N, C-alpha and C. Protein backbone atom coordinates (compact mmCIF):
# COMPACT_ATOMS: atom_id res chain seq x y z
N UNK A 1 88.75 121.79 108.87
CA UNK A 1 88.45 121.18 110.13
C UNK A 1 88.94 122.09 111.24
N UNK A 2 88.56 123.31 111.15
CA UNK A 2 88.96 124.30 112.12
C UNK A 2 88.41 123.91 113.49
N UNK A 3 89.26 124.05 114.52
CA UNK A 3 88.84 123.72 115.86
C UNK A 3 88.97 122.24 116.18
N UNK A 4 89.68 121.50 115.35
CA UNK A 4 89.85 120.08 115.60
C UNK A 4 91.12 119.83 116.41
N UNK A 5 91.16 118.70 117.06
CA UNK A 5 92.37 118.29 117.77
C UNK A 5 93.06 117.22 116.96
N UNK A 6 94.31 116.94 117.30
CA UNK A 6 95.08 115.93 116.58
C UNK A 6 94.40 114.58 116.62
N UNK A 7 93.82 114.22 117.80
CA UNK A 7 93.17 112.92 117.89
C UNK A 7 91.89 112.89 117.05
N UNK A 8 91.16 114.03 116.98
CA UNK A 8 89.97 114.08 116.14
C UNK A 8 90.32 113.82 114.68
N UNK A 9 91.36 114.47 114.23
CA UNK A 9 91.72 114.37 112.82
C UNK A 9 92.23 112.97 112.49
N UNK A 10 92.95 112.34 113.40
CA UNK A 10 93.45 111.00 113.16
C UNK A 10 92.34 109.97 113.10
N UNK A 11 91.22 110.24 113.75
CA UNK A 11 90.08 109.32 113.76
C UNK A 11 89.08 109.59 112.64
N UNK A 12 89.29 110.66 111.91
CA UNK A 12 88.34 111.04 110.85
C UNK A 12 88.38 110.02 109.71
N UNK A 13 87.26 109.90 109.01
CA UNK A 13 87.19 108.99 107.86
C UNK A 13 88.03 109.54 106.71
N UNK A 14 88.34 108.68 105.77
CA UNK A 14 89.09 109.11 104.59
C UNK A 14 88.36 110.22 103.85
N UNK A 15 87.04 110.11 103.76
CA UNK A 15 86.26 111.11 103.04
C UNK A 15 86.37 112.48 103.70
N UNK A 16 86.31 112.51 105.03
CA UNK A 16 86.42 113.77 105.76
C UNK A 16 87.82 114.35 105.58
N UNK A 17 88.83 113.50 105.71
CA UNK A 17 90.21 113.97 105.55
C UNK A 17 90.45 114.50 104.13
N UNK A 18 89.94 113.77 103.15
CA UNK A 18 90.13 114.19 101.76
C UNK A 18 89.44 115.53 101.51
N UNK A 19 88.23 115.69 102.01
CA UNK A 19 87.50 116.95 101.81
C UNK A 19 88.22 118.11 102.50
N UNK A 20 88.69 117.88 103.71
CA UNK A 20 89.40 118.95 104.43
C UNK A 20 90.72 119.28 103.75
N UNK A 21 91.44 118.27 103.31
CA UNK A 21 92.71 118.51 102.62
C UNK A 21 92.48 119.24 101.31
N UNK A 22 91.40 118.88 100.64
CA UNK A 22 91.05 119.55 99.38
C UNK A 22 90.83 121.04 99.58
N UNK A 23 90.32 121.39 100.78
CA UNK A 23 90.11 122.80 101.11
C UNK A 23 91.38 123.48 101.62
N UNK A 24 92.48 122.73 101.64
CA UNK A 24 93.76 123.32 102.01
C UNK A 24 94.18 123.07 103.44
N UNK A 25 93.52 122.18 104.17
CA UNK A 25 93.88 121.90 105.56
C UNK A 25 95.12 121.00 105.60
N UNK A 26 96.28 121.56 105.98
CA UNK A 26 97.50 120.76 105.99
C UNK A 26 97.48 119.65 107.04
N UNK A 27 96.77 119.85 108.15
CA UNK A 27 96.70 118.81 109.18
C UNK A 27 95.91 117.59 108.67
N UNK A 28 94.90 117.83 107.88
CA UNK A 28 94.14 116.73 107.30
C UNK A 28 95.02 115.94 106.33
N UNK A 29 95.81 116.66 105.52
CA UNK A 29 96.69 115.96 104.60
C UNK A 29 97.78 115.21 105.36
N UNK A 30 98.30 115.80 106.44
CA UNK A 30 99.26 115.09 107.29
C UNK A 30 98.67 113.80 107.83
N UNK A 31 97.39 113.83 108.19
CA UNK A 31 96.74 112.62 108.69
C UNK A 31 96.66 111.56 107.59
N UNK A 32 96.41 111.99 106.35
CA UNK A 32 96.39 111.06 105.21
C UNK A 32 97.78 110.45 105.03
N UNK A 33 98.80 111.29 105.10
CA UNK A 33 100.18 110.81 104.96
C UNK A 33 100.51 109.81 106.07
N UNK A 34 100.13 110.13 107.30
CA UNK A 34 100.40 109.22 108.42
C UNK A 34 99.64 107.92 108.29
N UNK A 35 98.44 107.98 107.75
CA UNK A 35 97.61 106.78 107.60
C UNK A 35 98.12 105.87 106.48
N UNK A 36 98.50 106.46 105.35
CA UNK A 36 98.84 105.65 104.17
C UNK A 36 100.32 105.62 103.82
N UNK A 37 101.11 106.47 104.42
CA UNK A 37 102.55 106.47 104.14
C UNK A 37 103.22 105.12 104.39
N UNK A 38 102.99 104.50 105.55
CA UNK A 38 103.65 103.21 105.81
C UNK A 38 103.25 102.10 104.83
N UNK A 39 101.98 102.04 104.44
CA UNK A 39 101.55 100.99 103.50
C UNK A 39 102.11 101.24 102.12
N UNK A 40 102.13 102.49 101.70
CA UNK A 40 102.69 102.81 100.39
C UNK A 40 104.19 102.55 100.38
N UNK A 41 104.86 102.87 101.48
CA UNK A 41 106.30 102.60 101.57
C UNK A 41 106.57 101.10 101.50
N UNK A 42 105.78 100.32 102.23
CA UNK A 42 105.95 98.87 102.23
C UNK A 42 105.80 98.33 100.80
N UNK A 43 104.79 98.81 100.09
CA UNK A 43 104.58 98.38 98.71
C UNK A 43 105.75 98.81 97.82
N UNK A 44 106.14 100.08 97.90
CA UNK A 44 107.23 100.59 97.07
C UNK A 44 108.54 99.87 97.39
N UNK A 45 108.76 99.58 98.65
CA UNK A 45 110.00 98.90 99.06
C UNK A 45 110.08 97.50 98.48
N UNK A 46 108.95 96.83 98.37
CA UNK A 46 108.92 95.48 97.81
C UNK A 46 109.08 95.51 96.29
N UNK A 47 108.70 96.61 95.68
CA UNK A 47 108.77 96.72 94.22
C UNK A 47 110.12 97.24 93.73
N UNK A 48 110.83 97.97 94.57
CA UNK A 48 112.07 98.61 94.15
C UNK A 48 113.25 98.06 94.94
N UNK A 49 114.44 98.33 94.45
CA UNK A 49 115.63 97.72 95.04
C UNK A 49 116.18 98.45 96.25
N UNK A 50 115.86 99.69 96.44
CA UNK A 50 116.49 100.42 97.53
C UNK A 50 115.52 101.19 98.40
N UNK A 51 115.92 101.37 99.65
CA UNK A 51 115.10 102.13 100.58
C UNK A 51 114.94 103.58 100.11
N UNK A 52 116.02 104.15 99.60
CA UNK A 52 115.96 105.54 99.15
C UNK A 52 114.98 105.69 97.98
N UNK A 53 115.01 104.73 97.04
CA UNK A 53 114.08 104.78 95.91
C UNK A 53 112.63 104.69 96.41
N UNK A 54 112.39 103.79 97.35
CA UNK A 54 111.03 103.63 97.89
C UNK A 54 110.58 104.89 98.59
N UNK A 55 111.46 105.47 99.40
CA UNK A 55 111.11 106.70 100.11
C UNK A 55 110.83 107.83 99.12
N UNK A 56 111.64 107.92 98.07
CA UNK A 56 111.42 108.95 97.05
C UNK A 56 110.07 108.76 96.35
N UNK A 57 109.75 107.51 96.03
CA UNK A 57 108.48 107.22 95.36
C UNK A 57 107.30 107.62 96.24
N UNK A 58 107.37 107.30 97.52
CA UNK A 58 106.27 107.65 98.43
C UNK A 58 106.16 109.16 98.56
N UNK A 59 107.29 109.83 98.67
CA UNK A 59 107.25 111.30 98.75
C UNK A 59 106.65 111.88 97.47
N UNK A 60 107.08 111.38 96.32
CA UNK A 60 106.53 111.86 95.05
C UNK A 60 105.04 111.56 94.95
N UNK A 61 104.63 110.43 95.51
CA UNK A 61 103.21 110.07 95.50
C UNK A 61 102.40 111.11 96.25
N UNK A 62 102.85 111.48 97.44
CA UNK A 62 102.10 112.45 98.23
C UNK A 62 102.18 113.86 97.66
N UNK A 63 103.29 114.20 97.04
CA UNK A 63 103.38 115.51 96.37
C UNK A 63 102.36 115.55 95.23
N UNK A 64 102.33 114.47 94.45
CA UNK A 64 101.36 114.41 93.34
C UNK A 64 99.93 114.41 93.87
N UNK A 65 99.68 113.67 94.94
CA UNK A 65 98.33 113.61 95.51
C UNK A 65 97.89 115.00 95.99
N UNK A 66 98.77 115.71 96.65
CA UNK A 66 98.44 117.06 97.12
C UNK A 66 98.05 117.95 95.93
N UNK A 67 98.81 117.83 94.86
CA UNK A 67 98.54 118.64 93.67
C UNK A 67 97.29 118.21 92.91
N UNK A 68 96.89 116.94 93.07
CA UNK A 68 95.76 116.42 92.31
C UNK A 68 94.48 116.26 93.14
N UNK A 69 94.51 116.70 94.39
CA UNK A 69 93.32 116.54 95.24
C UNK A 69 92.07 117.13 94.62
N UNK A 70 92.23 118.23 93.92
CA UNK A 70 91.05 118.87 93.33
C UNK A 70 90.44 118.04 92.21
N UNK A 71 91.22 117.12 91.64
CA UNK A 71 90.69 116.28 90.56
C UNK A 71 90.18 114.92 91.06
N UNK A 72 90.44 114.61 92.32
CA UNK A 72 89.98 113.33 92.87
C UNK A 72 88.48 113.39 93.08
N UNK A 73 87.75 112.52 92.37
CA UNK A 73 86.29 112.55 92.39
C UNK A 73 85.67 111.52 93.33
N UNK A 74 86.49 110.67 93.89
CA UNK A 74 85.95 109.67 94.81
C UNK A 74 85.35 108.46 94.12
N UNK A 75 85.68 108.24 92.84
CA UNK A 75 85.16 107.06 92.15
C UNK A 75 85.74 105.79 92.76
N UNK A 76 86.93 105.91 93.34
CA UNK A 76 87.55 104.80 94.07
C UNK A 76 87.84 105.30 95.48
N UNK A 77 88.29 104.40 96.33
CA UNK A 77 88.64 104.83 97.68
C UNK A 77 89.90 105.67 97.64
N UNK A 78 90.12 106.44 98.69
CA UNK A 78 91.33 107.25 98.80
C UNK A 78 92.55 106.33 98.76
N UNK A 79 92.48 105.21 99.44
CA UNK A 79 93.58 104.24 99.46
C UNK A 79 93.91 103.76 98.04
N UNK A 80 92.90 103.39 97.29
CA UNK A 80 93.11 102.91 95.92
C UNK A 80 93.71 104.02 95.05
N UNK A 81 93.20 105.24 95.20
CA UNK A 81 93.70 106.37 94.43
C UNK A 81 95.18 106.61 94.74
N UNK A 82 95.55 106.58 96.02
CA UNK A 82 96.95 106.78 96.41
C UNK A 82 97.82 105.64 95.88
N UNK A 83 97.32 104.41 95.95
CA UNK A 83 98.08 103.28 95.41
C UNK A 83 98.28 103.44 93.90
N UNK A 84 97.28 103.95 93.18
CA UNK A 84 97.44 104.10 91.74
C UNK A 84 98.51 105.14 91.41
N UNK A 85 98.56 106.21 92.18
CA UNK A 85 99.62 107.20 91.98
C UNK A 85 100.97 106.57 92.29
N UNK A 86 101.04 105.87 93.40
CA UNK A 86 102.29 105.22 93.81
C UNK A 86 102.74 104.20 92.78
N UNK A 87 101.82 103.41 92.26
CA UNK A 87 102.17 102.40 91.26
C UNK A 87 102.76 103.05 90.01
N UNK A 88 102.21 104.18 89.59
CA UNK A 88 102.76 104.89 88.43
C UNK A 88 104.17 105.40 88.74
N UNK A 89 104.38 105.89 89.96
CA UNK A 89 105.71 106.37 90.35
C UNK A 89 106.71 105.21 90.41
N UNK A 90 106.25 104.05 90.86
CA UNK A 90 107.12 102.86 90.88
C UNK A 90 107.51 102.49 89.46
N UNK A 91 106.54 102.50 88.54
CA UNK A 91 106.84 102.16 87.15
C UNK A 91 107.85 103.15 86.57
N UNK A 92 107.68 104.43 86.88
CA UNK A 92 108.64 105.43 86.40
C UNK A 92 110.04 105.11 86.90
N UNK A 93 110.14 104.76 88.16
CA UNK A 93 111.44 104.43 88.76
C UNK A 93 111.95 103.10 88.22
N UNK A 94 111.05 102.15 88.04
CA UNK A 94 111.43 100.82 87.57
C UNK A 94 111.99 100.86 86.15
N UNK A 95 111.53 101.78 85.37
CA UNK A 95 112.05 101.92 84.01
C UNK A 95 113.54 102.20 84.03
N UNK A 96 113.99 102.86 85.08
CA UNK A 96 115.39 103.22 85.19
C UNK A 96 116.20 102.13 85.89
N UNK A 97 115.60 101.49 86.88
CA UNK A 97 116.31 100.50 87.70
C UNK A 97 115.53 99.20 87.76
N UNK A 98 116.24 98.10 87.74
CA UNK A 98 115.61 96.78 87.86
C UNK A 98 115.52 96.43 89.34
N UNK A 99 114.37 95.92 89.76
CA UNK A 99 114.17 95.56 91.16
C UNK A 99 115.06 94.39 91.55
N UNK A 100 115.56 94.42 92.76
CA UNK A 100 116.40 93.36 93.33
C UNK A 100 115.73 92.84 94.59
N UNK A 101 116.08 91.62 95.01
CA UNK A 101 115.52 91.12 96.27
C UNK A 101 115.95 92.02 97.43
N UNK A 102 115.03 92.24 98.33
CA UNK A 102 115.32 93.08 99.49
C UNK A 102 114.76 92.42 100.74
N UNK A 103 115.37 92.75 101.85
CA UNK A 103 114.80 92.29 103.12
C UNK A 103 113.66 93.22 103.47
N UNK A 104 112.64 92.68 104.12
CA UNK A 104 111.51 93.52 104.49
C UNK A 104 110.88 93.00 105.76
N UNK A 105 110.71 93.86 106.72
CA UNK A 105 110.14 93.48 108.01
C UNK A 105 108.70 93.01 107.89
N UNK A 106 108.05 93.35 106.77
CA UNK A 106 106.64 92.99 106.62
C UNK A 106 106.42 91.49 106.64
N UNK A 107 107.31 90.75 106.02
CA UNK A 107 107.12 89.31 105.93
C UNK A 107 107.80 88.54 107.05
N UNK A 108 108.46 89.24 107.97
CA UNK A 108 109.10 88.55 109.07
C UNK A 108 108.05 88.01 110.02
N UNK A 109 108.29 86.81 110.56
CA UNK A 109 107.31 86.24 111.48
C UNK A 109 107.18 87.09 112.73
N UNK A 110 105.96 87.29 113.16
CA UNK A 110 105.70 88.07 114.36
C UNK A 110 105.65 87.13 115.56
N UNK A 111 106.40 87.46 116.58
CA UNK A 111 106.41 86.67 117.79
C UNK A 111 105.70 87.48 118.86
N UNK A 112 104.66 86.90 119.44
CA UNK A 112 103.94 87.62 120.48
C UNK A 112 104.78 87.62 121.75
N UNK A 113 104.52 88.59 122.62
CA UNK A 113 105.26 88.67 123.88
C UNK A 113 105.07 87.40 124.67
N UNK A 114 106.16 86.95 125.26
CA UNK A 114 106.07 85.77 126.09
C UNK A 114 106.30 84.48 125.33
N UNK A 115 106.26 84.52 124.00
CA UNK A 115 106.51 83.30 123.24
C UNK A 115 107.83 83.44 122.49
N UNK A 116 108.44 82.33 122.21
CA UNK A 116 109.69 82.36 121.47
C UNK A 116 109.63 81.30 120.38
N UNK A 117 110.35 81.58 119.31
CA UNK A 117 110.48 80.59 118.26
C UNK A 117 111.67 79.71 118.60
N UNK A 118 111.57 78.43 118.29
CA UNK A 118 112.75 77.61 118.52
C UNK A 118 113.77 77.96 117.44
N UNK A 119 115.04 77.73 117.70
CA UNK A 119 116.10 78.14 116.75
C UNK A 119 115.91 77.56 115.35
N UNK A 120 115.48 76.29 115.26
CA UNK A 120 115.26 75.69 113.95
C UNK A 120 114.18 76.44 113.18
N UNK A 121 113.09 76.76 113.85
CA UNK A 121 111.99 77.48 113.20
C UNK A 121 112.45 78.87 112.76
N UNK A 122 113.24 79.54 113.59
CA UNK A 122 113.72 80.88 113.24
C UNK A 122 114.59 80.83 112.00
N UNK A 123 115.51 79.85 111.93
CA UNK A 123 116.39 79.72 110.77
C UNK A 123 115.58 79.33 109.54
N UNK A 124 114.64 78.42 109.72
CA UNK A 124 113.79 77.98 108.61
C UNK A 124 112.97 79.13 108.06
N UNK A 125 112.38 79.94 108.95
CA UNK A 125 111.60 81.10 108.52
C UNK A 125 112.47 82.09 107.77
N UNK A 126 113.65 82.36 108.27
CA UNK A 126 114.56 83.32 107.62
C UNK A 126 114.96 82.82 106.24
N UNK A 127 115.23 81.52 106.13
CA UNK A 127 115.61 80.95 104.84
C UNK A 127 114.44 81.03 103.86
N UNK A 128 113.23 80.73 104.33
CA UNK A 128 112.07 80.82 103.45
C UNK A 128 111.85 82.26 102.98
N UNK A 129 111.95 83.22 103.89
CA UNK A 129 111.76 84.62 103.51
C UNK A 129 112.80 85.06 102.49
N UNK A 130 114.02 84.61 102.64
CA UNK A 130 115.06 84.95 101.66
C UNK A 130 114.71 84.35 100.29
N UNK A 131 114.24 83.11 100.30
CA UNK A 131 113.86 82.46 99.05
C UNK A 131 112.66 83.17 98.42
N UNK A 132 111.70 83.59 99.25
CA UNK A 132 110.54 84.32 98.74
C UNK A 132 110.96 85.65 98.14
N UNK A 133 111.85 86.36 98.81
CA UNK A 133 112.35 87.63 98.27
C UNK A 133 112.96 87.44 96.89
N UNK A 134 113.80 86.41 96.77
CA UNK A 134 114.44 86.14 95.49
C UNK A 134 113.41 85.76 94.42
N UNK A 135 112.45 84.93 94.79
CA UNK A 135 111.42 84.51 93.84
C UNK A 135 110.57 85.71 93.40
N UNK A 136 110.22 86.59 94.33
CA UNK A 136 109.44 87.79 93.98
C UNK A 136 110.20 88.67 93.00
N UNK A 137 111.50 88.79 93.20
CA UNK A 137 112.32 89.63 92.32
C UNK A 137 112.36 89.09 90.89
N UNK A 138 112.11 87.79 90.73
CA UNK A 138 112.13 87.18 89.40
C UNK A 138 110.82 87.37 88.64
N UNK A 139 109.77 87.76 89.33
CA UNK A 139 108.48 87.96 88.67
C UNK A 139 108.48 89.23 87.83
N UNK A 140 107.74 89.24 86.73
CA UNK A 140 107.57 90.50 85.99
C UNK A 140 106.87 91.53 86.90
N UNK A 141 107.10 92.81 86.67
CA UNK A 141 106.58 93.84 87.57
C UNK A 141 105.07 93.78 87.82
N UNK A 142 104.26 93.57 86.80
CA UNK A 142 102.81 93.55 87.03
C UNK A 142 102.38 92.35 87.86
N UNK A 143 103.02 91.20 87.60
CA UNK A 143 102.70 90.02 88.41
C UNK A 143 103.11 90.25 89.86
N UNK A 144 104.30 90.79 90.07
CA UNK A 144 104.77 91.06 91.43
C UNK A 144 103.84 92.06 92.12
N UNK A 145 103.46 93.11 91.40
CA UNK A 145 102.57 94.12 91.98
C UNK A 145 101.22 93.50 92.35
N UNK A 146 100.66 92.71 91.45
CA UNK A 146 99.36 92.09 91.72
C UNK A 146 99.45 91.16 92.92
N UNK A 147 100.51 90.36 93.00
CA UNK A 147 100.67 89.43 94.11
C UNK A 147 100.85 90.18 95.43
N UNK A 148 101.71 91.20 95.43
CA UNK A 148 101.96 91.95 96.67
C UNK A 148 100.70 92.67 97.17
N UNK A 149 99.99 93.31 96.24
CA UNK A 149 98.78 94.04 96.66
C UNK A 149 97.71 93.09 97.17
N UNK A 150 97.61 91.91 96.57
CA UNK A 150 96.59 90.95 96.99
C UNK A 150 97.00 90.24 98.29
N UNK A 151 98.20 89.72 98.33
CA UNK A 151 98.62 88.87 99.45
C UNK A 151 99.16 89.65 100.64
N UNK A 152 99.82 90.76 100.42
CA UNK A 152 100.40 91.53 101.52
C UNK A 152 99.48 92.67 101.94
N UNK A 153 98.95 93.42 100.97
CA UNK A 153 98.11 94.57 101.29
C UNK A 153 96.63 94.20 101.39
N UNK A 154 96.28 92.96 101.03
CA UNK A 154 94.91 92.44 101.14
C UNK A 154 93.90 93.27 100.35
N UNK A 155 94.32 93.76 99.19
CA UNK A 155 93.43 94.55 98.34
C UNK A 155 92.60 93.60 97.48
N UNK A 156 91.42 94.05 97.10
CA UNK A 156 90.55 93.25 96.22
C UNK A 156 91.06 93.36 94.78
N UNK A 157 90.62 92.42 93.94
CA UNK A 157 91.01 92.47 92.53
C UNK A 157 90.54 93.75 91.85
N UNK A 158 89.31 94.23 92.10
CA UNK A 158 88.91 95.51 91.49
C UNK A 158 89.79 96.68 91.96
N UNK A 159 90.17 96.70 93.24
CA UNK A 159 91.05 97.77 93.73
C UNK A 159 92.40 97.71 93.03
N UNK A 160 92.96 96.52 92.91
CA UNK A 160 94.24 96.36 92.24
C UNK A 160 94.11 96.76 90.77
N UNK A 161 92.98 96.41 90.17
CA UNK A 161 92.74 96.81 88.78
C UNK A 161 92.74 98.32 88.62
N UNK A 162 92.12 99.01 89.58
CA UNK A 162 92.13 100.48 89.54
C UNK A 162 93.55 101.01 89.63
N UNK A 163 94.34 100.42 90.51
CA UNK A 163 95.72 100.86 90.71
C UNK A 163 96.55 100.63 89.46
N UNK A 164 96.47 99.43 88.92
CA UNK A 164 97.31 99.06 87.77
C UNK A 164 96.69 99.41 86.42
N UNK A 165 95.46 99.95 86.47
CA UNK A 165 94.73 100.30 85.26
C UNK A 165 94.51 99.09 84.36
N UNK A 166 94.05 98.03 85.01
CA UNK A 166 93.74 96.78 84.33
C UNK A 166 92.35 96.33 84.75
N UNK A 167 91.77 95.44 83.99
CA UNK A 167 90.49 94.87 84.39
C UNK A 167 90.72 93.92 85.56
N UNK A 168 89.65 93.64 86.29
CA UNK A 168 89.75 92.68 87.39
C UNK A 168 90.21 91.32 86.89
N UNK A 169 89.72 90.93 85.72
CA UNK A 169 90.13 89.64 85.15
C UNK A 169 91.61 89.62 84.80
N UNK A 170 92.12 90.72 84.28
CA UNK A 170 93.55 90.79 83.97
C UNK A 170 94.38 90.70 85.25
N UNK A 171 93.92 91.37 86.30
CA UNK A 171 94.61 91.32 87.59
C UNK A 171 94.59 89.88 88.12
N UNK A 172 93.44 89.23 88.03
CA UNK A 172 93.34 87.83 88.47
C UNK A 172 94.35 86.97 87.70
N UNK A 173 94.48 87.22 86.41
CA UNK A 173 95.43 86.47 85.60
C UNK A 173 96.87 86.70 86.05
N UNK A 174 97.24 87.96 86.28
CA UNK A 174 98.59 88.27 86.76
C UNK A 174 98.83 87.62 88.12
N UNK A 175 97.83 87.70 89.01
CA UNK A 175 97.97 87.11 90.34
C UNK A 175 98.10 85.59 90.23
N UNK A 176 97.29 84.98 89.37
CA UNK A 176 97.34 83.53 89.19
C UNK A 176 98.71 83.09 88.65
N UNK A 177 99.21 83.81 87.64
CA UNK A 177 100.52 83.46 87.07
C UNK A 177 101.63 83.67 88.10
N UNK A 178 101.53 84.74 88.88
CA UNK A 178 102.53 84.98 89.93
C UNK A 178 102.51 83.87 90.96
N UNK A 179 101.32 83.48 91.39
CA UNK A 179 101.18 82.42 92.38
C UNK A 179 101.72 81.11 91.84
N UNK A 180 101.40 80.80 90.59
CA UNK A 180 101.89 79.55 89.98
C UNK A 180 103.42 79.57 89.88
N UNK A 181 103.99 80.68 89.48
CA UNK A 181 105.44 80.79 89.37
C UNK A 181 106.09 80.68 90.74
N UNK A 182 105.51 81.34 91.73
CA UNK A 182 106.06 81.26 93.09
C UNK A 182 106.00 79.83 93.62
N UNK A 183 104.92 79.10 93.30
CA UNK A 183 104.83 77.70 93.73
C UNK A 183 105.98 76.88 93.14
N UNK A 184 106.29 77.14 91.88
CA UNK A 184 107.39 76.41 91.23
C UNK A 184 108.72 76.80 91.86
N UNK A 185 108.94 78.10 91.99
CA UNK A 185 110.21 78.58 92.52
C UNK A 185 110.42 78.21 93.99
N UNK A 186 109.32 78.03 94.71
CA UNK A 186 109.41 77.73 96.15
C UNK A 186 108.97 76.31 96.46
N UNK A 187 108.99 75.43 95.47
CA UNK A 187 108.45 74.07 95.67
C UNK A 187 109.17 73.31 96.78
N UNK A 188 110.43 73.60 97.03
CA UNK A 188 111.13 72.87 98.09
C UNK A 188 110.59 73.24 99.48
N UNK A 189 109.82 74.33 99.57
CA UNK A 189 109.25 74.76 100.86
C UNK A 189 107.86 74.20 101.08
N UNK A 190 107.31 73.49 100.11
CA UNK A 190 105.95 72.97 100.24
C UNK A 190 105.92 71.74 101.11
């Protein structure tokens, strides 16, 4: 993408960025990192117990992606491909460490400017989020991954299947079991 500006590259489609990065354009790959780094970190952070582990996984994901760009055929979206690499890196890390509940800004309630939560609602939301964190940590890794990708990252079942290397039906099953378990574990919040 010779002759491009930073704003041009940031607005480029995934396909254009992937093609340019494949040809060795570091700015195109930086744009991919900037676009998908935060989402991959959010996912890794929810799956692993520490910020450092999540950051390492995301870094390893992008190192692997840079090295494997020539083999990426576009059978899935760039996002799905990156998530599949990240999911494998999480599993590698998870084999060594068991995930623990963590705080995460992703699930914190968003307050728009000019509005405020009443103190009861703020405490109630914080307590619910803590309970959700603990309940998520109790799920088996595939169920937790399926639930997080579906409910937090809004990925489709086929996309999650590509990431986890499972059929869409298997992903639906993991998501269903995770949802059912979370309902039981969080029944006092219903």
